[in-house]
């Protein structure tokens, strides 16, 4: 163990300062993100007592900034990507602090949630692009996995804070969001300190290429799969099985503990086995998780049902990392290196085009026929993901 720690210490000392700053910034964003994501559904339920259809429709303003990501990224073409990352973290921090102060008002909450969402979504493509810029050739998946693993490890700290706060002062969302917002502001400061002169300043404002059509389609399907699980996976536990916010913090910690090892291993698997096999395996596993979410209540035992739902949520959280495979696939087929960042931004916009509508439709399905039909529809999306992932081929690598 001593030798391992010495080796790890030497690697940190020899790492480029930009890499250390970026990892530290993403770690703080992991803390902020975990504090928001593990409590927001309970916050909405406790403060506004929303039904499933209202919860679904609320995803439209929440996901609208994601749809506009390509537009935002294009408008900021004159900024280095590290500065865009800083601006994104600043929006996340101000949004969370604003919800802590004014979140009791419905319209103020929506406005501040949208500000938070704008920052969180704009950071998504920048995170992948900068991570791959900080990697050696042939090791992009590995670098993405390492940074994702560090982010997830740090998120455990955010979840532990939620756990502690909710145990000592139940439903104290104000303190949770103040601390999470402070972490995001710290990340913004670190990103501003990075020095990558002209990082993709030559990138075009907008890129749409027929050669990238399969990436766009996979981004579209991922948006549908993602939003069903983000919106209605936790909602099953909140509304059907009446789970408290501290439970979601504990589940996130469990997923994070596994993710510390899983995400770097996933990155290595992408480099070794290729994007096609990883994406197809993801689709098969997602199909099984859909059945678990939809039919756990049929097991006849509430304890077994809740246990299965916990497993589904942890598995789903881990599998979100497979998005790395779509990013590395794009980087390998990109005709020009400067196409990567704007194309990743367009991918985020595409997956949010469906993200804005799917929750509303899912809420209607839930209210009319029951929550299981929401996940039956999601299982159908998983089948489409499997079919189209089989078409992933890498014929050429980017320069």
Protein backbone atom coordinates (compact mmCIF):
# COMPACT_ATOMS: atom_id res chain seq x y z
CA UNK A 1 0.00 0.00 0.00
CA UNK A 2 2.88 2.35 0.82
CA UNK A 3 4.38 1.75 -2.62
CA UNK A 4 1.01 2.43 -4.25
CA UNK A 5 0.62 5.71 -2.33
CA UNK A 6 4.16 6.73 -3.26
CA UNK A 7 3.49 5.98 -6.92
CA UNK A 8 0.23 7.94 -6.80
CA UNK A 9 1.96 10.90 -5.12
CA UNK A 10 4.70 10.93 -7.76
CA UNK A 11 2.13 10.87 -10.56
CA UNK A 12 0.29 13.83 -9.05
CA UNK A 13 3.54 15.79 -8.69
CA UNK A 14 4.48 15.13 -12.31
CA UNK A 15 1.02 15.94 -13.70
CA UNK A 16 0.52 19.12 -15.69
CA UNK A 17 -0.94 21.99 -13.60
CA UNK A 18 -3.86 22.31 -16.02
CA UNK A 19 -4.80 18.69 -15.41
CA UNK A 20 -4.66 19.13 -11.63
CA UNK A 21 -6.75 22.31 -11.76
CA UNK A 22 -9.32 20.68 -14.03
CA UNK A 23 -9.62 17.55 -11.89
CA UNK A 24 -9.98 19.68 -8.75
CA UNK A 25 -12.62 21.86 -10.41
CA UNK A 26 -14.58 18.86 -11.65
CA UNK A 27 -14.36 17.34 -8.17
CA UNK A 28 -15.98 20.45 -6.68
CA UNK A 29 -18.64 20.28 -9.39
CA UNK A 30 -19.19 16.67 -8.34
CA UNK A 31 -19.84 17.85 -4.79
CA UNK A 32 -22.28 20.54 -5.98
CA UNK A 33 -24.04 18.25 -8.43
CA UNK A 34 -24.56 15.45 -5.92
CA UNK A 35 -26.01 17.84 -3.35
CA UNK A 36 -28.50 19.17 -5.88
CA UNK A 37 -29.48 15.96 -7.63
CA UNK A 38 -30.03 13.90 -4.48
CA UNK A 39 -32.39 16.45 -2.93
CA UNK A 40 -34.22 18.23 -5.74
CA UNK A 41 -37.07 15.73 -6.17
CA UNK A 42 -37.76 15.74 -2.44
CA UNK A 43 -37.45 19.53 -2.40
CA UNK A 44 -40.16 19.78 -5.07
CA UNK A 45 -42.38 17.28 -3.28
CA UNK A 46 -42.00 18.92 0.14
CA UNK A 47 -42.26 22.55 -0.98
CA UNK A 48 -44.81 22.30 -3.80
CA UNK A 49 -46.45 18.83 -3.45
CA UNK A 50 -46.32 18.14 -7.21
CA UNK A 51 -48.17 15.30 -8.92
CA UNK A 52 -46.41 13.18 -11.58
CA UNK A 53 -47.82 15.13 -14.54
CA UNK A 54 -46.76 18.49 -13.05
CA UNK A 55 -43.33 17.05 -12.26
CA UNK A 56 -43.03 15.94 -15.88
CA UNK A 57 -43.98 19.33 -17.30
CA UNK A 58 -41.46 21.03 -14.99
CA UNK A 59 -38.71 19.30 -16.98
CA UNK A 60 -39.41 21.58 -19.94
CA UNK A 61 -37.87 24.71 -18.38
CA UNK A 62 -35.27 22.59 -16.60
CA UNK A 63 -34.11 20.98 -19.86
CA UNK A 64 -34.56 23.98 -22.17
CA UNK A 65 -30.99 25.24 -21.52
CA UNK A 66 -29.73 21.81 -22.56
CA UNK A 67 -31.56 22.16 -25.87
CA UNK A 68 -29.95 25.59 -26.30
CA UNK A 69 -26.43 24.36 -25.47
CA UNK A 70 -25.22 24.51 -29.09
CA UNK A 71 -26.56 28.07 -29.34
CA UNK A 72 -24.87 29.11 -26.08
CA UNK A 73 -21.58 27.47 -27.08
CA UNK A 74 -21.73 29.15 -30.49
CA UNK A 75 -22.40 32.55 -28.95
CA UNK A 76 -19.33 32.06 -26.74
CA UNK A 77 -17.06 31.07 -29.63
CA UNK A 78 -14.66 33.90 -28.73
CA UNK A 79 -13.94 32.38 -25.28
CA UNK A 80 -11.46 29.63 -24.48
CA UNK A 81 -13.17 26.44 -23.37
CA UNK A 82 -11.68 26.68 -19.88
CA UNK A 83 -13.31 30.09 -19.46
CA UNK A 84 -16.63 28.68 -20.66
CA UNK A 85 -16.23 25.97 -17.99
CA UNK A 86 -15.70 28.70 -15.39
CA UNK A 87 -18.77 30.59 -16.56
CA UNK A 88 -20.81 27.38 -16.40
CA UNK A 89 -19.70 26.65 -12.84
CA UNK A 90 -20.53 30.24 -11.87
CA UNK A 91 -24.09 29.80 -13.19
CA UNK A 92 -24.48 26.54 -11.25
CA UNK A 93 -23.27 28.18 -8.04
CA UNK A 94 -25.48 31.25 -8.34
CA UNK A 95 -28.49 29.11 -9.25
CA UNK A 96 -28.10 26.91 -6.19
CA UNK A 97 -27.51 29.81 -3.82
CA UNK A 98 -30.52 31.59 -5.32
CA UNK A 99 -32.75 28.54 -4.73
CA UNK A 100 -31.50 28.42 -1.13
CA UNK A 101 -32.61 32.03 -0.61
CA UNK A 102 -35.71 32.42 -2.84
CA UNK A 103 -36.67 28.83 -3.67
CA UNK A 104 -39.92 29.00 -1.73
CA UNK A 105 -41.45 31.07 -4.53
CA UNK A 106 -42.61 28.98 -7.51
CA UNK A 107 -41.56 31.37 -10.27
CA UNK A 108 -38.29 32.32 -8.59
CA UNK A 109 -37.50 28.63 -8.19
CA UNK A 110 -38.14 28.02 -11.90
CA UNK A 111 -35.92 30.94 -12.93
CA UNK A 112 -33.06 29.89 -10.64
CA UNK A 113 -33.43 26.22 -11.61
CA UNK A 114 -33.09 27.30 -15.23
CA UNK A 115 -29.92 29.27 -14.40
CA UNK A 116 -28.50 26.21 -12.65
CA UNK A 117 -29.48 24.06 -15.62
CA UNK A 118 -27.81 26.42 -18.11
CA UNK A 119 -24.51 26.09 -16.29
CA UNK A 120 -24.76 22.34 -15.77
CA UNK A 121 -25.61 21.64 -19.41
CA UNK A 122 -23.06 23.99 -20.91
CA UNK A 123 -20.36 22.27 -18.86
CA UNK A 124 -21.22 18.81 -20.27
CA UNK A 125 -19.56 19.09 -23.70
CA UNK A 126 -16.75 21.28 -22.35
CA UNK A 127 -15.92 18.64 -19.72
CA UNK A 128 -15.51 15.98 -22.39
CA UNK A 129 -13.65 18.22 -24.83
CA UNK A 130 -11.13 19.53 -22.28
CA UNK A 131 -10.66 16.05 -20.80
CA UNK A 132 -9.74 14.66 -24.22
CA UNK A 133 -7.43 17.64 -24.85
CA UNK A 134 -5.59 16.64 -21.67
CA UNK A 135 -5.09 13.04 -22.88
CA UNK A 136 -2.42 11.33 -24.92
CA UNK A 137 -3.41 9.94 -28.31
CA UNK A 138 -5.14 6.57 -27.95
CA UNK A 139 -5.95 7.18 -24.27
CA UNK A 140 -8.93 9.53 -24.50
CA UNK A 141 -11.33 7.02 -23.00
CA UNK A 142 -8.89 6.38 -20.16
CA UNK A 143 -8.57 10.10 -19.40
CA UNK A 144 -12.35 10.60 -19.51
CA UNK A 145 -12.76 7.68 -17.13
CA UNK A 146 -10.14 9.03 -14.73
CA UNK A 147 -11.71 12.49 -14.54
CA UNK A 148 -15.20 11.01 -14.28
CA UNK A 149 -13.98 8.72 -11.50
CA UNK A 150 -12.48 11.66 -9.59
CA UNK A 151 -15.73 13.61 -10.00
CA UNK A 152 -17.78 10.72 -8.69
CA UNK A 153 -15.41 10.15 -5.78
CA UNK A 154 -15.78 13.80 -4.77
CA UNK A 155 -19.55 13.53 -5.08
CA UNK A 156 -19.47 11.16 -2.12
CA UNK A 157 -18.43 14.13 0.01
CA UNK A 158 -21.48 16.07 -1.19
CA UNK A 159 -23.74 13.12 -0.42
CA UNK A 160 -22.20 12.72 3.02
CA UNK A 161 -22.97 16.39 3.72
CA UNK A 162 -26.58 15.87 2.61
CA UNK A 163 -26.82 12.80 4.84
CA UNK A 164 -25.41 14.70 7.84
CA UNK A 165 -27.54 17.81 7.30
CA UNK A 166 -30.77 15.88 6.74
CA UNK A 167 -30.15 13.74 9.83
CA UNK A 168 -29.38 16.72 12.09
CA UNK A 169 -31.84 19.23 10.60
CA UNK A 170 -34.38 17.36 8.44
CA UNK A 171 -35.48 19.05 5.20
CA UNK A 172 -32.93 21.85 5.57
CA UNK A 173 -32.63 22.42 1.83
CA UNK A 174 -31.40 25.97 2.37
CA UNK A 175 -28.13 24.83 3.96
CA UNK A 176 -27.67 22.06 1.38
CA UNK A 177 -27.94 24.46 -1.56
CA UNK A 178 -25.81 27.16 0.05
CA UNK A 179 -22.94 24.70 0.56
CA UNK A 180 -23.37 23.18 -2.89
CA UNK A 181 -23.40 26.60 -4.49
CA UNK A 182 -20.20 27.55 -2.65
CA UNK A 183 -18.50 24.43 -4.02
CA UNK A 184 -19.51 25.39 -7.58
CA UNK A 185 -18.14 28.91 -7.11
CA UNK A 186 -14.85 27.36 -5.99
CA UNK A 187 -14.80 25.28 -9.17
CA UNK A 188 -15.34 28.43 -11.24
CA UNK A 189 -12.26 30.00 -9.64
CA UNK A 190 -10.13 26.93 -10.45
CA UNK A 191 -11.28 26.83 -14.08
CA UNK A 192 -10.44 30.53 -14.45
CA UNK A 193 -6.90 29.73 -13.23
CA UNK A 194 -6.27 27.23 -16.03
CA UNK A 195 -3.88 28.38 -18.75
CA UNK A 196 -4.59 26.68 -22.07
CA UNK A 197 -3.93 29.62 -24.43
CA UNK A 198 -6.31 29.69 -27.36
CA UNK A 199 -7.94 26.40 -26.35
CA UNK A 200 -10.12 25.76 -29.39
CA UNK A 201 -10.57 29.46 -30.01
CA UNK A 202 -10.50 28.57 -33.72
CA UNK A 203 -13.51 26.29 -33.39
CA UNK A 204 -16.49 27.11 -35.65
CA UNK A 205 -19.63 28.50 -34.06
CA UNK A 206 -21.77 25.60 -35.28
CA UNK A 207 -21.07 22.23 -36.92
CA UNK A 208 -23.55 19.92 -38.65
CA UNK A 209 -22.03 17.15 -40.77
CA UNK A 210 -23.80 14.24 -42.46
CA UNK A 211 -20.79 12.08 -41.52
CA UNK A 212 -21.71 12.49 -37.83
CA UNK A 213 -25.35 11.41 -38.28
CA UNK A 214 -25.05 8.23 -36.17
CA UNK A 215 -23.59 10.23 -33.28
CA UNK A 216 -26.54 12.64 -33.52
CA UNK A 217 -29.01 9.72 -33.50
CA UNK A 218 -27.36 8.08 -30.49
CA UNK A 219 -27.44 11.45 -28.70
CA UNK A 220 -31.18 11.69 -29.43
CA UNK A 221 -31.88 8.21 -28.01
CA UNK A 222 -29.67 8.89 -24.98
CA UNK A 223 -31.72 12.01 -24.27
CA UNK A 224 -34.94 9.98 -24.11
CA UNK A 225 -33.39 7.23 -21.97
CA UNK A 226 -31.68 9.72 -19.67
CA UNK A 227 -34.67 11.90 -18.97
CA UNK A 228 -37.06 9.08 -18.17
CA UNK A 229 -34.67 7.80 -15.53
CA UNK A 230 -33.68 11.21 -14.12
CA UNK A 231 -37.31 12.31 -13.79
CA UNK A 232 -39.29 9.17 -13.02
CA UNK A 233 -36.75 6.78 -11.49
CA UNK A 234 -36.46 8.81 -8.27
CA UNK A 235 -40.15 9.74 -8.51
CA UNK A 236 -41.11 6.05 -8.12
CA UNK A 237 -39.22 5.94 -4.84
CA UNK A 238 -40.55 9.31 -3.67
CA UNK A 239 -44.24 8.94 -4.57
CA UNK A 240 -44.85 5.17 -4.65
CA UNK A 241 -42.56 4.08 -1.80
CA UNK A 242 -42.27 7.41 0.13
CA UNK A 243 -38.47 7.51 0.43
CA UNK A 244 -36.80 10.52 2.06
CA UNK A 245 -33.99 12.70 0.67
CA UNK A 246 -31.38 11.04 2.90
CA UNK A 247 -32.05 7.75 1.09
CA UNK A 248 -31.02 9.30 -2.23
CA UNK A 249 -27.82 10.61 -0.64
CA UNK A 250 -27.00 7.11 0.58
CA UNK A 251 -27.74 5.59 -2.84
CA UNK A 252 -25.53 8.21 -4.50
CA UNK A 253 -22.71 7.38 -2.08
CA UNK A 254 -23.06 3.68 -2.94
CA UNK A 255 -23.02 4.46 -6.66
CA UNK A 256 -20.06 6.80 -6.21
CA UNK A 257 -18.07 4.23 -4.24
CA UNK A 258 -18.57 1.73 -7.06
CA UNK A 259 -18.01 4.43 -9.68
CA UNK A 260 -14.52 5.23 -8.39
CA UNK A 261 -13.44 1.90 -9.85
CA UNK A 262 -16.12 1.47 -12.50
CA UNK A 263 -15.65 4.71 -14.44
CA UNK A 264 -11.88 4.35 -15.05
CA UNK A 265 -12.45 0.68 -15.92
CA UNK A 266 -15.18 1.74 -18.34
CA UNK A 267 -12.80 4.22 -19.95
CA UNK A 268 -10.19 1.48 -20.40
CA UNK A 269 -12.85 -0.85 -21.81
CA UNK A 270 -13.76 1.77 -24.44
CA UNK A 271 -10.11 2.02 -25.50
CA UNK A 272 -9.66 -1.76 -25.52
CA UNK A 273 -12.94 -3.16 -26.88
CA UNK A 274 -14.22 -0.20 -28.85
CA UNK A 275 -17.30 1.98 -28.61
CA UNK A 276 -19.64 -0.42 -30.43
CA UNK A 277 -19.40 -3.27 -27.90
CA UNK A 278 -19.62 -0.94 -24.91
CA UNK A 279 -22.69 0.86 -26.27
CA UNK A 280 -24.46 -2.41 -27.11
CA UNK A 281 -23.79 -3.80 -23.64
CA UNK A 282 -25.16 -0.56 -22.16
CA UNK A 283 -28.41 -0.94 -24.13
CA UNK A 284 -28.94 -4.51 -22.88
CA UNK A 285 -28.36 -3.48 -19.26
CA UNK A 286 -30.67 -0.47 -19.62
CA UNK A 287 -33.43 -2.77 -20.87
CA UNK A 288 -33.14 -4.82 -17.67
CA UNK A 289 -33.16 -1.69 -15.48
CA UNK A 290 -36.35 -0.53 -17.22
CA UNK A 291 -38.09 -3.77 -16.28
CA UNK A 292 -36.87 -3.40 -12.71
CA UNK A 293 -38.17 0.16 -12.35
CA UNK A 294 -41.50 -0.70 -13.98
CA UNK A 295 -42.37 -3.96 -12.29
CA UNK A 296 -40.60 -4.00 -8.90
CA UNK A 297 -43.95 -3.35 -7.22
CA UNK A 298 -45.23 -6.67 -8.59
CA UNK A 299 -42.81 -8.69 -6.46
CA UNK A 300 -45.33 -8.95 -3.62
CA UNK A 301 -42.89 -7.71 -0.98
CA UNK A 302 -42.26 -4.04 -0.37
CA UNK A 303 -38.80 -4.79 0.99
CA UNK A 304 -37.82 -6.73 -2.15
CA UNK A 305 -39.35 -4.06 -4.38
CA UNK A 306 -37.44 -1.24 -2.68
CA UNK A 307 -34.23 -3.28 -2.78
CA UNK A 308 -34.63 -3.87 -6.51
CA UNK A 309 -35.31 -0.17 -7.10
CA UNK A 310 -32.20 0.76 -5.11
CA UNK A 311 -30.17 -1.60 -7.32
CA UNK A 312 -31.74 -0.12 -10.46
CA UNK A 313 -30.90 3.41 -9.38
CA UNK A 314 -27.29 2.55 -8.58
CA UNK A 315 -26.88 0.65 -11.85
CA UNK A 316 -28.47 3.45 -13.81
CA UNK A 317 -26.15 5.99 -12.19
CA UNK A 318 -23.09 3.94 -13.14
CA UNK A 319 -24.25 3.46 -16.73
CA UNK A 320 -24.53 7.20 -17.32
CA UNK A 321 -20.76 7.02 -17.72
CA UNK A 322 -21.20 5.14 -21.01
CA UNK A 323 -21.82 8.55 -22.54
CA UNK A 324 -18.01 8.65 -22.72
CA UNK A 325 -18.18 6.09 -25.54
CA UNK A 326 -20.32 8.41 -27.65
CA UNK A 327 -17.85 11.23 -27.05
CA UNK A 328 -14.78 9.19 -27.99
CA UNK A 329 -16.62 7.83 -31.04
CA UNK A 330 -17.21 11.38 -32.23
CA UNK A 331 -13.58 12.34 -31.58
CA UNK A 332 -12.44 9.41 -33.73
CA UNK A 333 -14.69 10.14 -36.72
CA UNK A 334 -14.30 13.95 -36.55
CA UNK A 335 -13.01 15.32 -39.85
CA UNK A 336 -11.21 18.13 -38.02
CA UNK A 337 -10.16 18.37 -34.34
CA UNK A 338 -11.93 21.72 -34.00
CA UNK A 339 -15.21 20.01 -34.91
CA UNK A 340 -15.24 18.05 -31.65
CA UNK A 341 -16.30 20.75 -29.14
CA UNK A 342 -19.15 22.28 -31.20
CA UNK A 343 -20.35 18.82 -32.23
CA UNK A 344 -20.43 17.70 -28.59
CA UNK A 345 -22.47 20.84 -27.84
CA UNK A 346 -24.85 20.00 -30.68
CA UNK A 347 -25.15 16.47 -29.29
CA UNK A 348 -26.22 17.90 -25.93
CA UNK A 349 -28.79 20.10 -27.72
CA UNK A 350 -30.14 17.12 -29.67
CA UNK A 351 -30.53 14.89 -26.64
CA UNK A 352 -32.31 17.74 -24.85
CA UNK A 353 -34.69 18.29 -27.74
CA UNK A 354 -36.29 15.01 -26.72
CA UNK A 355 -35.57 15.56 -23.00
CA UNK A 356 -37.97 18.50 -22.94
CA UNK A 357 -40.91 16.51 -24.30
CA UNK A 358 -40.39 12.99 -22.89
CA UNK A 359 -41.09 13.90 -19.23
CA UNK A 360 -44.42 15.53 -20.11
CA UNK A 361 -45.46 12.45 -22.10
CA UNK A 362 -44.18 10.21 -19.32
CA UNK A 363 -46.21 12.13 -16.75
CA UNK A 364 -49.36 11.63 -18.82
CA UNK A 365 -48.63 7.89 -19.15
CA UNK A 366 -48.09 7.66 -15.40
CA UNK A 367 -51.36 9.44 -14.53
CA UNK A 368 -53.50 7.52 -17.05
CA UNK A 369 -52.13 3.98 -16.95
CA UNK A 370 -49.58 3.74 -14.11
CA UNK A 371 -45.86 4.24 -13.75
CA UNK A 372 -44.95 0.84 -15.21
CA UNK A 373 -45.92 2.02 -18.69
CA UNK A 374 -43.40 4.84 -18.50
CA UNK A 375 -40.66 2.24 -18.18
CA UNK A 376 -42.14 -0.06 -20.81
CA UNK A 377 -41.70 2.85 -23.21
CA UNK A 378 -38.13 3.30 -21.93
CA UNK A 379 -37.44 -0.39 -22.62
CA UNK A 380 -38.49 0.22 -26.23
CA UNK A 381 -35.93 3.04 -26.41
CA UNK A 382 -33.27 0.65 -25.08
CA UNK A 383 -34.05 -1.73 -27.96
CA UNK A 384 -33.53 1.11 -30.45
CA UNK A 385 -30.26 1.98 -28.71
CA UNK A 386 -29.10 -1.61 -29.19
CA UNK A 387 -29.99 -1.64 -32.88
CA UNK A 388 -28.26 1.62 -33.74
CA UNK A 389 -25.24 1.03 -31.51
CA UNK A 390 -24.53 -2.01 -33.66
CA UNK A 391 -23.86 0.42 -36.52
CA UNK A 392 -20.98 2.20 -34.74
CA UNK A 393 -17.83 1.82 -36.83
CA UNK A 394 -14.58 3.76 -36.67
CA UNK A 395 -13.07 4.01 -40.12
CA UNK A 396 -10.62 6.82 -39.51
CA UNK A 397 -9.11 8.70 -36.59
CA UNK A 398 -8.97 12.43 -36.17
CA UNK A 399 -5.65 14.11 -36.83
